[in-house]
C-alpha atoms as a PDB file:
ATOM      1  CA  MET A   1       0.083  -0.003   0.274  1.00  0.00           C
ATOM      2  CA  ASN A   2       1.117   3.754  -0.665  1.00  0.00           C
ATOM      3  CA  ASP A   3       1.842   5.835   2.086  1.00  0.00           C
ATOM      4  CA  ILE A   4       0.530   8.868   0.074  1.00  0.00           C
ATOM      5  CA  LEU A   5      -2.328   8.338  -2.232  1.00  0.00           C
ATOM      6  CA  GLY A   6      -2.612  11.668  -3.456  1.00  0.00           C
ATOM      7  CA  ILE A   7      -4.094  15.108  -2.750  1.00  0.00           C
ATOM      8  CA  HIS A   8      -6.215  15.330   1.019  1.00  0.00           C
ATOM      9  CA  HIS A   9      -7.053  18.701   0.658  1.00  0.00           C
ATOM     10  CA  VAL A  10      -5.720  22.454  -0.489  1.00  0.00           C
ATOM     11  CA  THR A  11      -6.315  25.057   1.976  1.00  0.00           C
ATOM     12  CA  ALA A  12      -6.230  28.831   0.436  1.00  0.00           C
ATOM     13  CA  ILE A  13      -7.080  32.583   2.035  1.00  0.00           C
ATOM     14  CA  ALA A  14     -10.096  34.537   1.169  1.00  0.00           C
ATOM     15  CA  SER A  15     -11.317  37.905   2.112  1.00  0.00           C
ATOM     16  CA  ASN A  16     -15.104  38.139   2.944  1.00  0.00           C
ATOM     17  CA  PRO A  17     -16.429  34.764   3.798  1.00  0.00           C
ATOM     18  CA  GLN A  18     -19.970  35.600   2.037  1.00  0.00           C
ATOM     19  CA  LYS A  19     -18.522  36.292  -1.107  1.00  0.00           C
ATOM     20  CA  ASN A  20     -16.511  33.166  -1.008  1.00  0.00           C
ATOM     21  CA  ILE A  21     -19.394  30.292   0.193  1.00  0.00           C
ATOM     22  CA  ASP A  22     -21.344  31.969  -2.972  1.00  0.00           C
ATOM     23  CA  PHE A  23     -18.576  31.488  -5.025  1.00  0.00           C
ATOM     24  CA  TYR A  24     -17.698  27.550  -4.493  1.00  0.00           C
ATOM     25  CA  SER A  25     -21.118  26.542  -3.161  1.00  0.00           C
ATOM     26  CA  SER A  26     -23.418  28.765  -5.496  1.00  0.00           C
ATOM     27  CA  LEU A  27     -21.501  28.909  -8.826  1.00  0.00           C
ATOM     28  CA  LEU A  28     -18.944  26.341  -8.623  1.00  0.00           C
ATOM     29  CA  GLY A  29     -21.384  23.509  -7.022  1.00  0.00           C
ATOM     30  CA  LEU A  30     -19.555  21.768  -4.588  1.00  0.00           C
ATOM     31  CA  ARG A  31     -20.768  21.341  -0.763  1.00  0.00           C
ATOM     32  CA  LEU A  32     -20.115  23.216   1.879  1.00  0.00           C
ATOM     33  CA  VAL A  33     -19.172  20.205   4.225  1.00  0.00           C
ATOM     34  CA  LYS A  34     -18.238  21.739   6.991  1.00  0.00           C
ATOM     35  CA  LEU A  35     -18.202  25.318   8.822  1.00  0.00           C
ATOM     36  CA  THR A  36     -16.229  25.292  12.060  1.00  0.00           C
ATOM     37  CA  VAL A  37     -13.488  27.538  12.673  1.00  0.00           C
ATOM     38  CA  ASN A  38      -9.592  28.198  12.456  1.00  0.00           C
ATOM     39  CA  PHE A  39      -8.498  26.072  15.686  1.00  0.00           C
ATOM     40  CA  ASP A  40      -5.821  28.739  16.049  1.00  0.00           C
ATOM     41  CA  ASP A  41      -7.320  31.784  15.500  1.00  0.00           C
ATOM     42  CA  PRO A  42     -11.055  31.053  16.121  1.00  0.00           C
ATOM     43  CA  THR A  43     -12.441  34.142  15.335  1.00  0.00           C
ATOM     44  CA  THR A  44     -11.987  33.096  11.798  1.00  0.00           C
ATOM     45  CA  TYR A  45     -13.835  30.670  10.184  1.00  0.00           C
ATOM     46  CA  HIS A  46     -12.531  27.757   8.353  1.00  0.00           C
ATOM     47  CA  LEU A  47     -14.687  26.612   5.321  1.00  0.00           C
ATOM     48  CA  TYR A  48     -14.995  23.328   4.449  1.00  0.00           C
ATOM     49  CA  TYR A  49     -15.450  22.452   0.431  1.00  0.00           C
ATOM     50  CA  GLY A  50     -16.124  19.022  -1.221  1.00  0.00           C
ATOM     51  CA  ASP A  51     -18.072  16.107  -2.298  1.00  0.00           C
ATOM     52  CA  GLU A  52     -21.142  14.874  -0.637  1.00  0.00           C
ATOM     53  CA  ILE A  53     -19.253  14.104   2.796  1.00  0.00           C
ATOM     54  CA  GLY A  54     -16.149  15.656   2.006  1.00  0.00           C
ATOM     55  CA  HIS A  55     -14.219  12.641   0.584  1.00  0.00           C
ATOM     56  CA  PRO A  56     -10.005  13.182   0.834  1.00  0.00           C
ATOM     57  CA  GLY A  57      -9.217  14.465  -2.389  1.00  0.00           C
ATOM     58  CA  THR A  58     -12.254  16.398  -2.719  1.00  0.00           C
ATOM     59  CA  ILE A  59     -12.094  19.126   0.084  1.00  0.00           C
ATOM     60  CA  LEU A  60     -11.049  22.510  -0.731  1.00  0.00           C
ATOM     61  CA  THR A  61     -10.874  24.791   2.388  1.00  0.00           C
ATOM     62  CA  PHE A  62     -10.754  28.424   3.291  1.00  0.00           C
ATOM     63  CA  PHE A  63      -9.165  30.851   6.274  1.00  0.00           C
ATOM     64  CA  PRO A  64     -11.489  34.012   5.523  1.00  0.00           C
ATOM     65  CA  TRP A  65      -9.063  36.613   6.989  1.00  0.00           C
ATOM     66  CA  THR A  66     -10.956  40.226   6.197  1.00  0.00           C
ATOM     67  CA  ASP A  67      -7.887  42.052   7.220  1.00  0.00           C
ATOM     68  CA  ALA A  68      -5.226  40.440   5.563  1.00  0.00           C
ATOM     69  CA  PRO A  69      -2.923  41.904   3.043  1.00  0.00           C
ATOM     70  CA  LYS A  70      -4.052  40.488  -1.151  1.00  0.00           C
ATOM     71  CA  GLY A  71      -1.301  38.197  -1.416  1.00  0.00           C
ATOM     72  CA  ILE A  72       0.871  38.084  -4.441  1.00  0.00           C
ATOM     73  CA  HIS A  73       1.327  35.191  -6.546  1.00  0.00           C
ATOM     74  CA  GLY A  74       4.839  34.147  -7.622  1.00  0.00           C
ATOM     75  CA  THR A  75       6.946  31.083  -6.745  1.00  0.00           C
ATOM     76  CA  SER A  76       7.594  28.797  -4.040  1.00  0.00           C
ATOM     77  CA  GLN A  77       3.606  28.496  -4.012  1.00  0.00           C
ATOM     78  CA  VAL A  78       0.809  26.740  -5.010  1.00  0.00           C
ATOM     79  CA  ILE A  79      -0.377  28.862  -8.295  1.00  0.00           C
ATOM     80  CA  ALA A  80      -3.397  26.613  -9.583  1.00  0.00           C
ATOM     81  CA  THR A  81      -5.812  24.383  -7.865  1.00  0.00           C
ATOM     82  CA  SER A  82      -7.256  22.148 -10.519  1.00  0.00           C
ATOM     83  CA  PHE A  83     -10.618  20.487 -11.004  1.00  0.00           C
ATOM     84  CA  LEU A  84     -11.677  17.203 -12.449  1.00  0.00           C
ATOM     85  CA  ILE A  85     -14.915  17.386 -14.738  1.00  0.00           C
ATOM     86  CA  PRO A  86     -16.252  15.117 -17.910  1.00  0.00           C
ATOM     87  CA  GLU A  87     -15.153  15.241 -20.834  1.00  0.00           C
ATOM     88  CA  ASP A  88     -18.206  16.635 -22.322  1.00  0.00           C
ATOM     89  CA  ALA A  89     -18.777  19.130 -19.850  1.00  0.00           C
ATOM     90  CA  ILE A  90     -16.654  22.233 -21.100  1.00  0.00           C
ATOM     91  CA  ASP A  91     -19.205  23.780 -23.399  1.00  0.00           C
ATOM     92  CA  TYR A  92     -21.529  23.710 -19.877  1.00  0.00           C
ATOM     93  CA  TRP A  93     -19.117  25.389 -17.644  1.00  0.00           C
ATOM     94  CA  THR A  94     -17.723  27.990 -19.966  1.00  0.00           C
ATOM     95  CA  GLU A  95     -21.335  29.047 -20.381  1.00  0.00           C
ATOM     96  CA  ARG A  96     -21.968  29.073 -16.806  1.00  0.00           C
ATOM     97  CA  LEU A  97     -18.913  30.935 -15.944  1.00  0.00           C
ATOM     98  CA  LYS A  98     -20.354  33.653 -18.763  1.00  0.00           C
ATOM     99  CA  LYS A  99     -23.663  33.907 -16.966  1.00  0.00           C
ATOM    100  CA  TYR A 100     -22.049  34.738 -13.833  1.00  0.00           C
ATOM    101  CA  HIS A 101     -19.581  37.037 -15.295  1.00  0.00           C
ATOM    102  CA  VAL A 102     -16.475  35.209 -14.486  1.00  0.00           C
ATOM    103  CA  ALA A 103     -13.628  35.918 -16.919  1.00  0.00           C
ATOM    104  CA  PHE A 104     -11.967  32.892 -18.448  1.00  0.00           C
ATOM    105  CA  GLN A 105      -9.163  31.899 -20.496  1.00  0.00           C
ATOM    106  CA  GLY A 106      -9.600  28.510 -22.790  1.00  0.00           C
ATOM    107  CA  PRO A 107     -10.229  25.536 -23.503  1.00  0.00           C
ATOM    108  CA  ILE A 108      -6.512  25.102 -24.001  1.00  0.00           C
ATOM    109  CA  ALA A 109      -4.596  22.071 -24.985  1.00  0.00           C
ATOM    110  CA  ARG A 110      -2.136  20.165 -21.855  1.00  0.00           C
ATOM    111  CA  PHE A 111      -1.137  16.792 -22.537  1.00  0.00           C
ATOM    112  CA  ASP A 112      -4.481  14.749 -22.633  1.00  0.00           C
ATOM    113  CA  GLU A 113      -6.497  17.422 -20.905  1.00  0.00           C
ATOM    114  CA  GLN A 114      -8.904  20.381 -21.921  1.00  0.00           C
ATOM    115  CA  ILE A 115      -8.534  22.898 -19.473  1.00  0.00           C
ATOM    116  CA  ILE A 116     -10.224  26.302 -18.523  1.00  0.00           C
ATOM    117  CA  THR A 117      -8.467  28.532 -16.322  1.00  0.00           C
ATOM    118  CA  PHE A 118      -9.932  31.763 -14.372  1.00  0.00           C
ATOM    119  CA  GLN A 119     -10.040  33.194 -10.247  1.00  0.00           C
ATOM    120  CA  ASP A 120     -12.262  33.488  -7.640  1.00  0.00           C
ATOM    121  CA  PRO A 121     -13.073  36.450  -6.523  1.00  0.00           C
ATOM    122  CA  ASP A 122      -9.953  36.827  -4.356  1.00  0.00           C
ATOM    123  CA  GLY A 123      -7.781  35.691  -7.620  1.00  0.00           C
ATOM    124  CA  LEU A 124      -6.816  32.299  -6.324  1.00  0.00           C
ATOM    125  CA  ALA A 125      -6.280  30.647  -9.508  1.00  0.00           C
ATOM    126  CA  LEU A 126      -8.215  27.683 -10.312  1.00  0.00           C
ATOM    127  CA  GLU A 127      -8.612  25.324 -13.161  1.00  0.00           C
ATOM    128  CA  LEU A 128     -11.443  23.108 -14.677  1.00  0.00           C
ATOM    129  CA  VAL A 129      -9.758  19.994 -16.573  1.00  0.00           C
ATOM    130  CA  ALA A 130     -11.888  17.619 -18.900  1.00  0.00           C
ATOM    131  CA  HIS A 131     -10.244  14.507 -18.541  1.00  0.00           C
ATOM    132  CA  LYS A 132     -11.439  10.615 -19.477  1.00  0.00           C
ATOM    133  CA  SER A 133     -10.256   9.947 -15.424  1.00  0.00           C
ATOM    134  CA  ALA A 134     -13.793  11.389 -14.326  1.00  0.00           C
ATOM    135  CA  ARG A 135     -15.795   8.788 -15.204  1.00  0.00           C
ATOM    136  CA  ALA A 136     -14.480   6.640 -12.444  1.00  0.00           C
ATOM    137  CA  ARG A 137     -15.138   9.641  -9.973  1.00  0.00           C
ATOM    138  CA  GLU A 138     -18.797   9.764 -10.277  1.00  0.00           C
ATOM    139  CA  ASP A 139     -19.394   8.567  -6.313  1.00  0.00           C
ATOM    140  CA  ARG A 140     -17.430  12.150  -5.560  1.00  0.00           C
ATOM    141  CA  VAL A 141     -20.101  14.822  -6.668  1.00  0.00           C
ATOM    142  CA  TRP A 142     -22.466  17.067  -4.810  1.00  0.00           C
ATOM    143  CA  LYS A 143     -25.846  15.737  -6.419  1.00  0.00           C
ATOM    144  CA  GLN A 144     -27.930  18.038  -4.736  1.00  0.00           C
ATOM    145  CA  GLY A 145     -26.373  21.143  -6.076  1.00  0.00           C
ATOM    146  CA  PRO A 146     -26.802  23.690  -8.281  1.00  0.00           C
ATOM    147  CA  VAL A 147     -24.852  22.307 -11.044  1.00  0.00           C
ATOM    148  CA  PRO A 148     -26.517  19.183 -13.116  1.00  0.00           C
ATOM    149  CA  VAL A 149     -25.045  16.092 -11.882  1.00  0.00           C
ATOM    150  CA  GLU A 150     -23.632  15.001 -15.535  1.00  0.00           C
ATOM    151  CA  LYS A 151     -21.184  18.159 -15.539  1.00  0.00           C
ATOM    152  CA  THR A 152     -20.689  18.024 -11.710  1.00  0.00           C
ATOM    153  CA  ILE A 153     -16.924  19.072 -10.474  1.00  0.00           C
ATOM    154  CA  ARG A 154     -15.516  15.381  -9.399  1.00  0.00           C
ATOM    155  CA  GLY A 155     -12.496  16.732  -7.342  1.00  0.00           C
ATOM    156  CA  PHE A 156      -9.166  17.535  -7.334  1.00  0.00           C
ATOM    157  CA  TYR A 157      -7.447  16.613 -10.629  1.00  0.00           C
ATOM    158  CA  SER A 158      -4.246  18.218  -9.906  1.00  0.00           C
ATOM    159  CA  VAL A 159      -2.310  21.125  -8.202  1.00  0.00           C
ATOM    160  CA  THR A 160       0.458  22.834  -9.989  1.00  0.00           C
ATOM    161  CA  LEU A 161       3.747  23.896  -7.582  1.00  0.00           C
ATOM    162  CA  SER A 162       5.890  26.966  -8.956  1.00  0.00           C
ATOM    163  CA  GLU A 163       9.634  26.939  -7.579  1.00  0.00           C
ATOM    164  CA  GLU A 164      12.742  28.825  -8.708  1.00  0.00           C
ATOM    165  CA  GLY A 165      14.659  25.577  -9.093  1.00  0.00           C
ATOM    166  CA  TYR A 166      12.878  22.096  -9.457  1.00  0.00           C
ATOM    167  CA  GLU A 167      15.064  19.758  -8.084  1.00  0.00           C
ATOM    168  CA  ARG A 168      15.164  19.495  -4.529  1.00  0.00           C
ATOM    169  CA  THR A 169      11.339  19.748  -4.162  1.00  0.00           C
ATOM    170  CA  ALA A 170      11.210  17.073  -7.048  1.00  0.00           C
ATOM    171  CA  SER A 171      13.652  14.839  -4.707  1.00  0.00           C
ATOM    172  CA  VAL A 172      10.844  14.889  -1.797  1.00  0.00           C
ATOM    173  CA  LEU A 173       8.310  14.115  -4.189  1.00  0.00           C
ATOM    174  CA  THR A 174       9.859  11.206  -5.520  1.00  0.00           C
ATOM    175  CA  ASP A 175      11.671  10.046  -2.754  1.00  0.00           C
ATOM    176  CA  LYS A 176       9.707  11.051   0.232  1.00  0.00           C
ATOM    177  CA  LEU A 177       6.273  11.242  -0.457  1.00  0.00           C
ATOM    178  CA  GLY A 178       6.115   8.279  -3.585  1.00  0.00           C
ATOM    179  CA  PHE A 179       5.621  10.341  -6.532  1.00  0.00           C
ATOM    180  CA  SER A 180       7.302   9.528  -9.815  1.00  0.00           C
ATOM    181  CA  LEU A 181       7.895  11.364 -13.000  1.00  0.00           C
ATOM    182  CA  LEU A 182       5.067  10.719 -15.265  1.00  0.00           C
ATOM    183  CA  ARG A 183       6.233  13.392 -18.439  1.00  0.00           C
ATOM    184  CA  GLU A 184       7.678  16.791 -18.874  1.00  0.00           C
ATOM    185  CA  GLU A 185       6.620  19.342 -21.467  1.00  0.00           C
ATOM    186  CA  SER A 186       8.008  23.094 -21.718  1.00  0.00           C
ATOM    187  CA  GLY A 187       9.151  23.128 -18.127  1.00  0.00           C
ATOM    188  CA  ARG A 188       6.217  21.689 -16.631  1.00  0.00           C
ATOM    189  CA  PHE A 189       7.391  18.221 -14.935  1.00  0.00           C
ATOM    190  CA  ARG A 190       4.207  15.960 -14.002  1.00  0.00           C
ATOM    191  CA  TYR A 191       4.493  13.598 -10.892  1.00  0.00           C
ATOM    192  CA  THR A 192       1.692  11.293 -10.161  1.00  0.00           C
ATOM    193  CA  ILE A 193       1.322   8.239  -7.552  1.00  0.00           C
ATOM    194  CA  SER A 194       1.462   4.911  -9.618  1.00  0.00           C
ATOM    195  CA  GLY A 195      -1.919   3.099  -8.961  1.00  0.00           C
ATOM    196  CA  GLY A 196      -3.197   6.515  -7.564  1.00  0.00           C
ATOM    197  CA  ASP A 197      -6.749   8.320  -8.612  1.00  0.00           C
ATOM    198  CA  ALA A 198      -6.921  11.434 -10.356  1.00  0.00           C
ATOM    199  CA  SER A 199      -6.423  13.850  -7.320  1.00  0.00           C
ATOM    200  CA  SER A 200      -2.763  12.231  -7.327  1.00  0.00           C
ATOM    201  CA  ILE A 201      -1.474  14.469  -9.795  1.00  0.00           C
ATOM    202  CA  VAL A 202       1.540  17.404  -9.242  1.00  0.00           C
ATOM    203  CA  ASP A 203       2.459  19.490 -12.079  1.00  0.00           C
ATOM    204  CA  LEU A 204       6.122  21.399 -10.920  1.00  0.00           C
ATOM    205  CA  LEU A 205       6.912  24.269 -12.598  1.00  0.00           C
ATOM    206  CA  CYS A 206      10.524  25.558 -12.680  1.00  0.00           C
ATOM    207  CA  LEU A 207      10.874  29.368 -13.171  1.00  0.00           C
ATOM    208  CA  PRO A 208      13.804  30.871 -11.972  1.00  0.00           C
ATOM    209  CA  TYR A 209      13.305  34.456 -13.225  1.00  0.00           C
ATOM    210  CA  SER A 210      10.111  34.906 -11.109  1.00  0.00           C
ATOM    211  CA  LYS A 211       9.513  36.844  -8.460  1.00  0.00           C
ATOM    212  CA  ARG A 212       8.865  34.984  -5.211  1.00  0.00           C
ATOM    213  CA  GLY A 213       5.272  34.998  -4.162  1.00  0.00           C
ATOM    214  CA  ARG A 214       3.568  36.325  -0.880  1.00  0.00           C
ATOM    215  CA  ILE A 215       0.616  34.778   1.005  1.00  0.00           C
ATOM    216  CA  GLY A 216      -2.477  36.832   1.166  1.00  0.00           C
ATOM    217  CA  THR A 217      -5.611  36.546   0.116  1.00  0.00           C
ATOM    218  CA  GLY A 218      -5.655  34.784  -3.154  1.00  0.00           C
ATOM    219  CA  THR A 219      -3.001  32.185  -2.473  1.00  0.00           C
ATOM    220  CA  VAL A 220      -2.936  29.048  -1.072  1.00  0.00           C
ATOM    221  CA  HIS A 221      -1.795  28.310   2.055  1.00  0.00           C
ATOM    222  CA  HIS A 222      -0.858  24.579   2.219  1.00  0.00           C
ATOM    223  CA  VAL A 223      -1.282  21.441   0.150  1.00  0.00           C
ATOM    224  CA  ALA A 224      -1.769  18.444   2.127  1.00  0.00           C
ATOM    225  CA  TRP A 225      -1.211  15.277   1.037  1.00  0.00           C
ATOM    226  CA  ARG A 226      -3.405  11.864   2.155  1.00  0.00           C
ATOM    227  CA  THR A 227      -1.969   8.872   3.811  1.00  0.00           C
ATOM    228  CA  PRO A 228      -4.318   5.936   5.118  1.00  0.00           C
ATOM    229  CA  THR A 229      -3.709   5.516   8.711  1.00  0.00           C
ATOM    230  CA  ASP A 230      -2.098   7.074  12.172  1.00  0.00           C
ATOM    231  CA  GLN A 231       0.762   4.301  11.636  1.00  0.00           C
ATOM    232  CA  GLN A 232       1.837   5.158   7.902  1.00  0.00           C
ATOM    233  CA  GLN A 233       1.291   8.892   8.876  1.00  0.00           C
ATOM    234  CA  LEU A 234       4.090   8.524  11.545  1.00  0.00           C
ATOM    235  CA  GLU A 235       6.290   6.677   9.305  1.00  0.00           C
ATOM    236  CA  LEU A 236       6.199   9.589   7.000  1.00  0.00           C
ATOM    237  CA  ARG A 237       7.630  12.195   9.372  1.00  0.00           C
ATOM    238  CA  LYS A 238      10.296   9.760  10.407  1.00  0.00           C
ATOM    239  CA  SER A 239      11.546  10.087   7.419  1.00  0.00           C
ATOM    240  CA  ILE A 240      11.084  13.427   6.607  1.00  0.00           C
ATOM    241  CA  VAL A 241      12.833  14.318   9.749  1.00  0.00           C
ATOM    242  CA  LYS A 242      15.579  12.023   8.733  1.00  0.00           C
ATOM    243  CA  ALA A 243      15.696  13.877   5.255  1.00  0.00           C
ATOM    244  CA  GLY A 244      16.592  17.391   7.391  1.00  0.00           C
ATOM    245  CA  LEU A 245      13.551  18.916   7.524  1.00  0.00           C
ATOM    246  CA  ASN A 246      11.317  20.306   9.872  1.00  0.00           C
ATOM    247  CA  ALA A 247       8.300  18.890  10.310  1.00  0.00           C
ATOM    248  CA  THR A 248       6.044  19.402  12.937  1.00  0.00           C
ATOM    249  CA  PRO A 249       4.504  17.152  15.638  1.00  0.00           C
ATOM    250  CA  VAL A 250       0.974  14.801  14.952  1.00  0.00           C
ATOM    251  CA  ILE A 251      -1.286  17.900  15.252  1.00  0.00           C
ATOM    252  CA  ASP A 252      -5.413  16.782  16.017  1.00  0.00           C
ATOM    253  CA  ARG A 253      -7.289  18.748  13.416  1.00  0.00           C
ATOM    254  CA  LYS A 254     -10.494  16.814  14.686  1.00  0.00           C
ATOM    255  CA  TYR A 255     -11.465  15.528  11.098  1.00  0.00           C
ATOM    256  CA  PHE A 256      -8.081  14.691  10.412  1.00  0.00           C
ATOM    257  CA  HIS A 257      -4.829  14.266  12.077  1.00  0.00           C
ATOM    258  CA  SER A 258      -1.586  16.271  10.452  1.00  0.00           C
ATOM    259  CA  VAL A 259       1.938  17.140   9.868  1.00  0.00           C
ATOM    260  CA  TYR A 260       2.957  20.058   8.797  1.00  0.00           C
ATOM    261  CA  PHE A 261       6.513  20.784   7.323  1.00  0.00           C
ATOM    262  CA  ARG A 262       7.903  23.071   4.551  1.00  0.00           C
ATOM    263  CA  GLU A 263       9.729  21.871   0.932  1.00  0.00           C
ATOM    264  CA  PRO A 264      13.286  22.661   0.041  1.00  0.00           C
ATOM    265  CA  GLY A 265      11.239  25.620  -2.168  1.00  0.00           C
ATOM    266  CA  GLY A 266       9.616  27.009   0.531  1.00  0.00           C
ATOM    267  CA  ILE A 267       5.706  25.558   0.147  1.00  0.00           C
ATOM    268  CA  LEU A 268       3.922  24.022   3.218  1.00  0.00           C
ATOM    269  CA  PHE A 269       3.756  20.303   2.763  1.00  0.00           C
ATOM    270  CA  GLU A 270       0.865  18.812   5.306  1.00  0.00           C
ATOM    271  CA  ILE A 271       0.373  15.295   5.871  1.00  0.00           C
ATOM    272  CA  ALA A 272      -3.088  14.041   6.362  1.00  0.00           C
ATOM    273  CA  THR A 273      -4.740  10.918   7.389  1.00  0.00           C
ATOM    274  CA  GLU A 274      -7.581   9.763   5.724  1.00  0.00           C
ATOM    275  CA  PRO A 275      -9.894   9.011   9.042  1.00  0.00           C
ATOM    276  CA  PRO A 276     -11.998  10.472  10.930  1.00  0.00           C
ATOM    277  CA  GLY A 277     -13.770  12.326   8.363  1.00  0.00           C
ATOM    278  CA  PHE A 278     -16.299  15.026   8.582  1.00  0.00           C
ATOM    279  CA  MET A 279     -19.121  12.990   9.593  1.00  0.00           C
ATOM    280  CA  ILE A 280     -17.080  12.521  13.344  1.00  0.00           C
ATOM    281  CA  ASP A 281     -19.903  15.494  14.633  1.00  0.00           C
ATOM    282  CA  GLU A 282     -22.972  15.218  11.909  1.00  0.00           C
ATOM    283  CA  LYS A 283     -24.911  13.781   9.990  1.00  0.00           C
ATOM    284  CA  ARG A 284     -24.758  13.196   6.700  1.00  0.00           C
ATOM    285  CA  GLU A 285     -27.677  15.378   5.975  1.00  0.00           C
ATOM    286  CA  GLU A 286     -26.374  17.946   8.699  1.00  0.00           C
ATOM    287  CA  LEU A 287     -23.140  18.931   6.798  1.00  0.00           C
ATOM    288  CA  GLY A 288     -22.473  22.409   6.769  1.00  0.00           C
ATOM    289  CA  THR A 289     -25.395  23.465   7.993  1.00  0.00           C
ATOM    290  CA  HIS A 290     -24.931  24.738  11.704  1.00  0.00           C
ATOM    291  CA  LEU A 291     -21.180  26.711  13.192  1.00  0.00           C
ATOM    292  CA  VAL A 292     -19.593  23.421  14.168  1.00  0.00           C
ATOM    293  CA  LEU A 293     -16.588  23.952  17.282  1.00  0.00           C
ATOM    294  CA  PRO A 294     -14.686  21.671  18.459  1.00  0.00           C
ATOM    295  CA  SER A 295     -15.625  20.174  22.440  1.00  0.00           C
ATOM    296  CA  TRP A 296     -12.542  23.373  23.891  1.00  0.00           C
ATOM    297  CA  LEU A 297     -14.155  25.945  22.447  1.00  0.00           C
ATOM    298  CA  GLU A 298     -17.934  24.792  22.964  1.00  0.00           C
ATOM    299  CA  ALA A 299     -18.017  27.305  25.948  1.00  0.00           C
ATOM    300  CA  GLU A 300     -16.901  30.306  23.652  1.00  0.00           C
ATOM    301  CA  ARG A 301     -19.547  29.821  21.205  1.00  0.00           C
ATOM    302  CA  ASN A 302     -22.170  32.950  22.222  1.00  0.00           C
ATOM    303  CA  ASN A 303     -19.132  35.180  22.458  1.00  0.00           C
ATOM    304  CA  LEU A 304     -17.645  33.595  19.080  1.00  0.00           C
ATOM    305  CA  GLU A 305     -20.962  33.994  17.213  1.00  0.00           C
ATOM    306  CA  ARG A 306     -21.158  37.688  18.115  1.00  0.00           C
ATOM    307  CA  VAL A 307     -17.568  38.394  16.622  1.00  0.00           C
ATOM    308  CA  LEU A 308     -18.269  35.790  13.342  1.00  0.00           C
ATOM    309  CA  PRO A 309     -19.517  37.812  10.686  1.00  0.00           C
ATOM    310  CA  PRO A 310     -23.003  36.459   9.590  1.00  0.00           C
ATOM    311  CA  VAL A 311     -23.206  33.857   6.408  1.00  0.00           C
ATOM    312  CA  LYS A 312     -25.662  32.225   5.020  1.00  0.00           C
ATOM    313  CA  VAL A 313     -26.071  29.122   2.248  1.00  0.00           C
ATOM    314  CA  GLY A 314     -28.240  29.783  -0.087  1.00  0.00           C
ATOM    315  CA  GLU A 315     -31.457  31.748   1.835  1.00  0.00           C
ATOM    316  CA  LYS A 316     -30.466  30.093   5.165  1.00  0.00           C
ATOM    317  CA  MET A 317     -28.614  32.156   7.575  1.00  0.00           C
ATOM    318  CA  ILE A 318     -25.991  29.900   9.506  1.00  0.00           C
ATOM    319  CA  VAL A 319     -24.621  32.380  11.776  1.00  0.00           C
ATOM    320  CA  GLY A 320     -23.347  35.810  13.107  1.00  0.00           C
ATOM    321  CA  ARG A 321     -23.864  39.021  14.601  1.00  0.00           C
ATOM    322  CA  LEU A 322     -27.999  38.013  13.148  1.00  0.00           C
ATOM    323  CA  GLY A 323     -28.000  35.494  15.127  1.00  0.00           C
ATOM    324  CA  VAL A 324     -28.245  31.415  14.314  1.00  0.00           C
END
């Protein structure tokens, strides 16, 4: 069994939480599977989007820091987060983006894919990748969303890393995380997990003459790789530390367990376990419908609900100064 199975989640920084919910739930058709707070900064939301139950490999999360500066795209960053869509869904999505007045480019060809590129309201770089692998991921959808089931997003396809020099990052991907080089084209090096699904692709761009990026709204905070068990996570941590990389202890994030480290190019990586998942504290039908707090913050619920800005999904007010 592979220690790393592919992407677990991607976490980015947003500004306005309501605009973020409207874009990802109403426009892209993802399910808000968990509305909670940043455990390290409880006065800030932590928004999780994914398929019906938030399977690993479908989860895009946000810290909406309203006062954060605008990020700058550049090297030492995840510069594109790519979603998988069916091969015949390109026309549907170009028309949908036009309908919502979202500027986009494409479709353009890359390897054996057709790609639409665009940005969210904060400038986060996104891609929709039409590929045959979507046929095997029909169970990774949100069937009750606003997008027809046959056109829905099927979780992640890949992430793109931008580096000034790629060799040391490539070494971590291959020697420590189990990726292998699949192909290369015009300075884009594609890595994948042998036997992995569509969310197991990483593109590494070597951009030696580009400026270094700066974290802020519209940028990715970190990318998490998924591993099946706590024991495999511990073994991976040992290997990472042995390589001279400074890994954190295992941190309990309630829905998964996490180890963080920076790869040699400066991008924050996370190793996240697949269990226990998002139904540990909510039933399937309740996911994302109210503010969920970890046990150690329940005593602060009233105070947090007064501080957190009001948000709603569709027409339902969930939390905020206006009440639950």
